[in-house]
Amino acid sequence: MTPTYLRSMCAIAALLAAQSSLAAVNVDYRNFDSVEHQFAAICSGSRASISFNRNTTGSATLQGSAPCVIQQGSEEVVLHGGENVEIKNGLIRIVD
């Protein structure tokens, strides 16, 4: 293998690695609770977490590729990005 070929392959591998690290799932939210909530999620097989500030409206990001699944007791909330969610009594609900 030539040095030019190896450099090209390394550059391609670096670009692919960087692309996956830039993947994120963004949601807009309204937290009606007086406490900040942090939820664990699984995004395409990887662990991630998302935080929602107390008593506020904002945007939150999960670092990972969609779909992201948040387990809430016996229910699952699946996020693909772009959803509007509400947090009440510690539970996430997707709203229109």
C-alpha atoms as a PDB file:
ATOM      1  CA  MET A   1       0.000   0.000   0.000  1.00  0.00           C
ATOM      2  CA  THR A   2       1.220   3.440  -0.842  1.00  0.00           C
ATOM      3  CA  PRO A   3       1.468   6.208   1.759  1.00  0.00           C
ATOM      4  CA  THR A   4      -1.072   8.283  -0.210  1.00  0.00           C
ATOM      5  CA  TYR A   5      -3.586   5.415  -0.133  1.00  0.00           C
ATOM      6  CA  LEU A   6      -3.117   4.981   3.623  1.00  0.00           C
ATOM      7  CA  ARG A   7      -3.575   8.712   4.258  1.00  0.00           C
ATOM      8  CA  SER A   8      -6.752   8.689   2.171  1.00  0.00           C
ATOM      9  CA  MET A   9      -8.144   5.726   4.084  1.00  0.00           C
ATOM     10  CA  CYS A  10      -7.298   7.367   7.426  1.00  0.00           C
ATOM     11  CA  ALA A  11      -9.010  10.587   6.328  1.00  0.00           C
ATOM     12  CA  ILE A  12     -12.162   8.695   5.314  1.00  0.00           C
ATOM     13  CA  ALA A  13     -12.204   6.803   8.618  1.00  0.00           C
ATOM     14  CA  ALA A  14     -11.809  10.065  10.560  1.00  0.00           C
ATOM     15  CA  LEU A  15     -14.680  11.680   8.649  1.00  0.00           C
ATOM     16  CA  LEU A  16     -16.972   8.737   9.326  1.00  0.00           C
ATOM     17  CA  ALA A  17     -16.107   8.766  13.030  1.00  0.00           C
ATOM     18  CA  ALA A  18     -16.716  12.510  13.244  1.00  0.00           C
ATOM     19  CA  GLN A  19     -20.047  12.219  11.455  1.00  0.00           C
ATOM     20  CA  SER A  20     -21.426   9.721  13.963  1.00  0.00           C
ATOM     21  CA  SER A  21     -20.248  11.841  16.891  1.00  0.00           C
ATOM     22  CA  LEU A  22     -22.224  14.796  15.520  1.00  0.00           C
ATOM     23  CA  ALA A  23     -25.497  12.864  15.545  1.00  0.00           C
ATOM     24  CA  ALA A  24     -28.038  14.326  17.931  1.00  0.00           C
ATOM     25  CA  VAL A  25     -31.748  14.246  18.645  1.00  0.00           C
ATOM     26  CA  ASN A  26     -33.220  17.659  19.521  1.00  0.00           C
ATOM     27  CA  VAL A  27     -36.606  18.245  21.146  1.00  0.00           C
ATOM     28  CA  ASP A  28     -38.480  21.343  22.280  1.00  0.00           C
ATOM     29  CA  TYR A  29     -39.942  21.051  25.751  1.00  0.00           C
ATOM     30  CA  ARG A  30     -42.032  22.654  28.470  1.00  0.00           C
ATOM     31  CA  ASN A  31     -41.266  21.480  32.000  1.00  0.00           C
ATOM     32  CA  PHE A  32     -44.171  22.267  34.302  1.00  0.00           C
ATOM     33  CA  ASP A  33     -42.390  20.759  37.338  1.00  0.00           C
ATOM     34  CA  SER A  34     -40.434  22.799  39.871  1.00  0.00           C
ATOM     35  CA  VAL A  35     -37.456  20.441  39.636  1.00  0.00           C
ATOM     36  CA  GLU A  36     -34.956  19.700  36.888  1.00  0.00           C
ATOM     37  CA  HIS A  37     -35.378  16.250  35.369  1.00  0.00           C
ATOM     38  CA  GLN A  38     -32.711  14.076  33.816  1.00  0.00           C
ATOM     39  CA  PHE A  39     -33.691  10.957  31.913  1.00  0.00           C
ATOM     40  CA  ALA A  40     -31.567   8.064  30.666  1.00  0.00           C
ATOM     41  CA  ALA A  41     -32.097   6.984  27.081  1.00  0.00           C
ATOM     42  CA  ILE A  42     -30.879   4.427  24.575  1.00  0.00           C
ATOM     43  CA  CYS A  43     -30.108   5.943  21.153  1.00  0.00           C
ATOM     44  CA  SER A  44     -29.432   3.332  18.457  1.00  0.00           C
ATOM     45  CA  GLY A  45     -27.963   0.998  21.055  1.00  0.00           C
ATOM     46  CA  SER A  46     -25.856   3.625  22.880  1.00  0.00           C
ATOM     47  CA  ARG A  47     -26.575   5.124  26.289  1.00  0.00           C
ATOM     48  CA  ALA A  48     -27.382   8.827  26.475  1.00  0.00           C
ATOM     49  CA  SER A  49     -29.112  11.247  28.820  1.00  0.00           C
ATOM     50  CA  ILE A  50     -31.259  14.334  28.469  1.00  0.00           C
ATOM     51  CA  SER A  51     -31.988  17.114  30.967  1.00  0.00           C
ATOM     52  CA  PHE A  52     -34.949  19.430  31.250  1.00  0.00           C
ATOM     53  CA  ASN A  53     -34.586  22.605  33.342  1.00  0.00           C
ATOM     54  CA  ARG A  54     -37.249  23.324  35.962  1.00  0.00           C
ATOM     55  CA  ASN A  55     -40.274  25.517  35.260  1.00  0.00           C
ATOM     56  CA  THR A  56     -39.183  26.472  31.782  1.00  0.00           C
ATOM     57  CA  THR A  57     -39.599  26.119  28.064  1.00  0.00           C
ATOM     58  CA  GLY A  58     -36.532  25.276  26.015  1.00  0.00           C
ATOM     59  CA  SER A  59     -34.732  22.889  23.752  1.00  0.00           C
ATOM     60  CA  ALA A  60     -32.851  19.795  24.846  1.00  0.00           C
ATOM     61  CA  THR A  61     -30.467  17.471  23.018  1.00  0.00           C
ATOM     62  CA  LEU A  62     -29.693  13.780  23.242  1.00  0.00           C
ATOM     63  CA  GLN A  63     -26.213  12.999  21.925  1.00  0.00           C
ATOM     64  CA  GLY A  64     -26.828   9.997  19.710  1.00  0.00           C
ATOM     65  CA  SER A  65     -28.597   8.757  16.624  1.00  0.00           C
ATOM     66  CA  ALA A  66     -32.369   8.395  16.428  1.00  0.00           C
ATOM     67  CA  PRO A  67     -34.443   6.669  17.484  1.00  0.00           C
ATOM     68  CA  CYS A  68     -33.908   7.342  21.194  1.00  0.00           C
ATOM     69  CA  VAL A  69     -35.964   5.438  23.742  1.00  0.00           C
ATOM     70  CA  ILE A  70     -36.663   6.740  27.256  1.00  0.00           C
ATOM     71  CA  GLN A  71     -38.140   4.170  29.621  1.00  0.00           C
ATOM     72  CA  GLN A  72     -40.772   5.537  32.050  1.00  0.00           C
ATOM     73  CA  GLY A  73     -41.992   2.746  34.232  1.00  0.00           C
ATOM     74  CA  SER A  74     -43.821   0.361  31.917  1.00  0.00           C
ATOM     75  CA  GLU A  75     -44.049   2.912  29.079  1.00  0.00           C
ATOM     76  CA  GLU A  76     -41.495   3.953  26.487  1.00  0.00           C
ATOM     77  CA  VAL A  77     -41.144   7.396  24.917  1.00  0.00           C
ATOM     78  CA  VAL A  78     -39.512   7.207  21.476  1.00  0.00           C
ATOM     79  CA  LEU A  79     -37.850  10.370  20.179  1.00  0.00           C
ATOM     80  CA  HIS A  80     -36.726  10.856  16.592  1.00  0.00           C
ATOM     81  CA  GLY A  81     -35.969  14.569  16.835  1.00  0.00           C
ATOM     82  CA  GLY A  82     -38.159  17.610  16.343  1.00  0.00           C
ATOM     83  CA  GLU A  83     -40.857  16.554  18.803  1.00  0.00           C
ATOM     84  CA  ASN A  84     -42.533  18.887  21.265  1.00  0.00           C
ATOM     85  CA  VAL A  85     -42.671  17.353  24.730  1.00  0.00           C
ATOM     86  CA  GLU A  86     -44.205  18.292  28.057  1.00  0.00           C
ATOM     87  CA  ILE A  87     -42.931  17.197  31.435  1.00  0.00           C
ATOM     88  CA  LYS A  88     -45.526  16.999  34.224  1.00  0.00           C
ATOM     89  CA  ASN A  89     -45.148  15.116  37.493  1.00  0.00           C
ATOM     90  CA  GLY A  90     -41.842  13.692  36.277  1.00  0.00           C
ATOM     91  CA  LEU A  91     -43.300  12.133  33.119  1.00  0.00           C
ATOM     92  CA  ILE A  92     -42.553  12.989  29.491  1.00  0.00           C
ATOM     93  CA  ARG A  93     -45.448  13.283  27.054  1.00  0.00           C
ATOM     94  CA  ILE A  94     -45.160  14.043  23.333  1.00  0.00           C
ATOM     95  CA  VAL A  95     -47.579  16.811  22.294  1.00  0.00           C
ATOM     96  CA  ASP A  96     -48.628  18.121  18.893  1.00  0.00           C
END
